[in-house]
Amino acid sequence: MQFKKLAWKDIVSDGTVVCSNCKINLCGIISMEFKINHEPKENKYILYSFGKGSLRKLQPDTYDSLEEAKNVAYRKYNDEMSRIKKAVDYLVAT
């Protein structure tokens, strides 16, 4: 199942994306947020996930590229939306 593409807001400095943010708010009930920060010393990208349930992580994930971090964020978003869809489908069917 495919959901909409995430709308990222990139902050660029010296030709490098140093920070990228994405916020999703569904009817004021479900909120998800992803932040990706560039770590210049290690040249890695750190993904922070905020939300409820399985999205909430205390430890951030580290990736080699910005695209890899954004793909993982989309996968997390897709998984969460699939769970929500299953719950809504169940409630509608009963």
C-alpha atoms as a PDB file:
ATOM      1  CA  MET A   1       0.000   0.000   0.000  1.00  0.00           C
ATOM      2  CA  GLN A   2       1.320   3.449  -0.910  1.00  0.00           C
ATOM      3  CA  PHE A   3       0.490   6.604   1.007  1.00  0.00           C
ATOM      4  CA  LYS A   4       1.253  10.183   0.004  1.00  0.00           C
ATOM      5  CA  LYS A   5       4.829  11.357  -0.263  1.00  0.00           C
ATOM      6  CA  LEU A   6       6.211  13.145   2.752  1.00  0.00           C
ATOM      7  CA  ALA A   7       6.758  16.901   2.430  1.00  0.00           C
ATOM      8  CA  TRP A   8      10.265  17.644   3.683  1.00  0.00           C
ATOM      9  CA  LYS A   9      11.570  21.116   4.541  1.00  0.00           C
ATOM     10  CA  ASP A  10      15.322  21.135   3.973  1.00  0.00           C
ATOM     11  CA  ILE A  11      17.744  23.645   5.450  1.00  0.00           C
ATOM     12  CA  VAL A  12      20.840  23.941   3.260  1.00  0.00           C
ATOM     13  CA  SER A  13      24.212  25.410   4.225  1.00  0.00           C
ATOM     14  CA  ASP A  14      27.226  25.447   1.897  1.00  0.00           C
ATOM     15  CA  GLY A  15      25.446  23.109  -0.523  1.00  0.00           C
ATOM     16  CA  THR A  16      24.784  20.437   2.147  1.00  0.00           C
ATOM     17  CA  VAL A  17      21.436  19.682   3.725  1.00  0.00           C
ATOM     18  CA  VAL A  18      22.139  20.219   7.433  1.00  0.00           C
ATOM     19  CA  CYS A  19      18.590  19.641   8.654  1.00  0.00           C
ATOM     20  CA  SER A  20      15.388  18.252   7.171  1.00  0.00           C
ATOM     21  CA  ASN A  21      11.977  18.261   8.868  1.00  0.00           C
ATOM     22  CA  CYS A  22       8.641  16.636   8.123  1.00  0.00           C
ATOM     23  CA  LYS A  23       5.433  16.931  10.172  1.00  0.00           C
ATOM     24  CA  ILE A  24       2.229  14.977   9.625  1.00  0.00           C
ATOM     25  CA  ASN A  25      -0.985  15.914  11.396  1.00  0.00           C
ATOM     26  CA  LEU A  26      -4.130  13.897  10.683  1.00  0.00           C
ATOM     27  CA  CYS A  27      -7.254  15.741  11.815  1.00  0.00           C
ATOM     28  CA  GLY A  28      -5.507  16.878  14.995  1.00  0.00           C
ATOM     29  CA  ILE A  29      -5.669  13.334  16.363  1.00  0.00           C
ATOM     30  CA  ILE A  30      -2.555  11.656  14.991  1.00  0.00           C
ATOM     31  CA  SER A  31       0.717  13.504  14.856  1.00  0.00           C
ATOM     32  CA  MET A  32       4.045  12.280  13.490  1.00  0.00           C
ATOM     33  CA  GLU A  33       7.281  14.174  13.097  1.00  0.00           C
ATOM     34  CA  PHE A  34      10.614  13.255  11.566  1.00  0.00           C
ATOM     35  CA  LYS A  35      13.829  15.249  11.842  1.00  0.00           C
ATOM     36  CA  ILE A  36      17.081  14.483  10.085  1.00  0.00           C
ATOM     37  CA  ASN A  37      20.253  16.261  11.148  1.00  0.00           C
ATOM     38  CA  HIS A  38      23.615  16.092   9.430  1.00  0.00           C
ATOM     39  CA  GLU A  39      26.589  15.203  11.648  1.00  0.00           C
ATOM     40  CA  PRO A  40      29.572  16.803   9.867  1.00  0.00           C
ATOM     41  CA  LYS A  41      32.326  15.104  11.889  1.00  0.00           C
ATOM     42  CA  GLU A  42      31.203  11.609  10.862  1.00  0.00           C
ATOM     43  CA  ASN A  43      29.392  12.717   7.670  1.00  0.00           C
ATOM     44  CA  LYS A  44      26.278  10.804   8.818  1.00  0.00           C
ATOM     45  CA  TYR A  45      22.599  11.666   8.957  1.00  0.00           C
ATOM     46  CA  ILE A  46      20.689  11.178  12.208  1.00  0.00           C
ATOM     47  CA  LEU A  47      16.946  10.421  12.032  1.00  0.00           C
ATOM     48  CA  TYR A  48      14.745  11.377  14.976  1.00  0.00           C
ATOM     49  CA  SER A  49      11.156  10.059  15.052  1.00  0.00           C
ATOM     50  CA  PHE A  50       8.426  11.625  17.181  1.00  0.00           C
ATOM     51  CA  GLY A  51       4.879  10.418  17.683  1.00  0.00           C
ATOM     52  CA  LYS A  52       2.918   7.905  19.690  1.00  0.00           C
ATOM     53  CA  GLY A  53       3.274   4.157  19.830  1.00  0.00           C
ATOM     54  CA  SER A  54       5.910   2.490  17.692  1.00  0.00           C
ATOM     55  CA  LEU A  55       7.088   5.792  16.207  1.00  0.00           C
ATOM     56  CA  ARG A  56       8.419   7.110  19.495  1.00  0.00           C
ATOM     57  CA  LYS A  57      12.091   6.269  19.843  1.00  0.00           C
ATOM     58  CA  LEU A  58      14.468   7.474  22.502  1.00  0.00           C
ATOM     59  CA  GLN A  59      17.573   6.624  20.484  1.00  0.00           C
ATOM     60  CA  PRO A  60      17.920   8.151  17.001  1.00  0.00           C
ATOM     61  CA  ASP A  61      18.952   6.107  13.966  1.00  0.00           C
ATOM     62  CA  THR A  62      22.114   6.914  11.979  1.00  0.00           C
ATOM     63  CA  TYR A  63      22.438   6.613   8.190  1.00  0.00           C
ATOM     64  CA  ASP A  64      25.104   7.213   5.557  1.00  0.00           C
ATOM     65  CA  SER A  65      22.951   9.378   3.282  1.00  0.00           C
ATOM     66  CA  LEU A  66      20.038  11.775   3.477  1.00  0.00           C
ATOM     67  CA  GLU A  67      18.042   9.692   0.977  1.00  0.00           C
ATOM     68  CA  GLU A  68      18.501   6.562   3.083  1.00  0.00           C
ATOM     69  CA  ALA A  69      17.251   8.398   6.189  1.00  0.00           C
ATOM     70  CA  LYS A  70      14.238   9.792   4.292  1.00  0.00           C
ATOM     71  CA  ASN A  71      13.407   6.328   2.925  1.00  0.00           C
ATOM     72  CA  VAL A  72      13.431   4.862   6.446  1.00  0.00           C
ATOM     73  CA  ALA A  73      11.226   7.723   7.680  1.00  0.00           C
ATOM     74  CA  TYR A  74       8.770   7.008   4.858  1.00  0.00           C
ATOM     75  CA  ARG A  75       8.778   3.303   5.741  1.00  0.00           C
ATOM     76  CA  LYS A  76       7.990   4.166   9.381  1.00  0.00           C
ATOM     77  CA  TYR A  77       5.221   6.527   8.233  1.00  0.00           C
ATOM     78  CA  ASN A  78       3.842   3.857   5.889  1.00  0.00           C
ATOM     79  CA  ASP A  79       3.835   1.222   8.660  1.00  0.00           C
ATOM     80  CA  GLU A  80       2.022   3.553  11.055  1.00  0.00           C
ATOM     81  CA  MET A  81      -0.568   4.529   8.428  1.00  0.00           C
ATOM     82  CA  SER A  82      -1.149   0.836   7.608  1.00  0.00           C
ATOM     83  CA  ARG A  83      -1.864   0.139  11.295  1.00  0.00           C
ATOM     84  CA  ILE A  84      -4.301   3.042  11.413  1.00  0.00           C
ATOM     85  CA  LYS A  85      -6.026   1.871   8.224  1.00  0.00           C
ATOM     86  CA  LYS A  86      -6.432  -1.658   9.635  1.00  0.00           C
ATOM     87  CA  ALA A  87      -7.980  -0.262  12.825  1.00  0.00           C
ATOM     88  CA  VAL A  88     -10.396   1.964  10.883  1.00  0.00           C
ATOM     89  CA  ASP A  89     -11.338  -0.870   8.516  1.00  0.00           C
ATOM     90  CA  TYR A  90     -12.048  -3.096  11.527  1.00  0.00           C
ATOM     91  CA  LEU A  91     -14.258  -0.450  13.154  1.00  0.00           C
ATOM     92  CA  VAL A  92     -16.163   0.189   9.920  1.00  0.00           C
ATOM     93  CA  ALA A  93     -16.724  -3.545   9.333  1.00  0.00           C
ATOM     94  CA  THR A  94     -18.190  -4.118  12.810  1.00  0.00           C
END
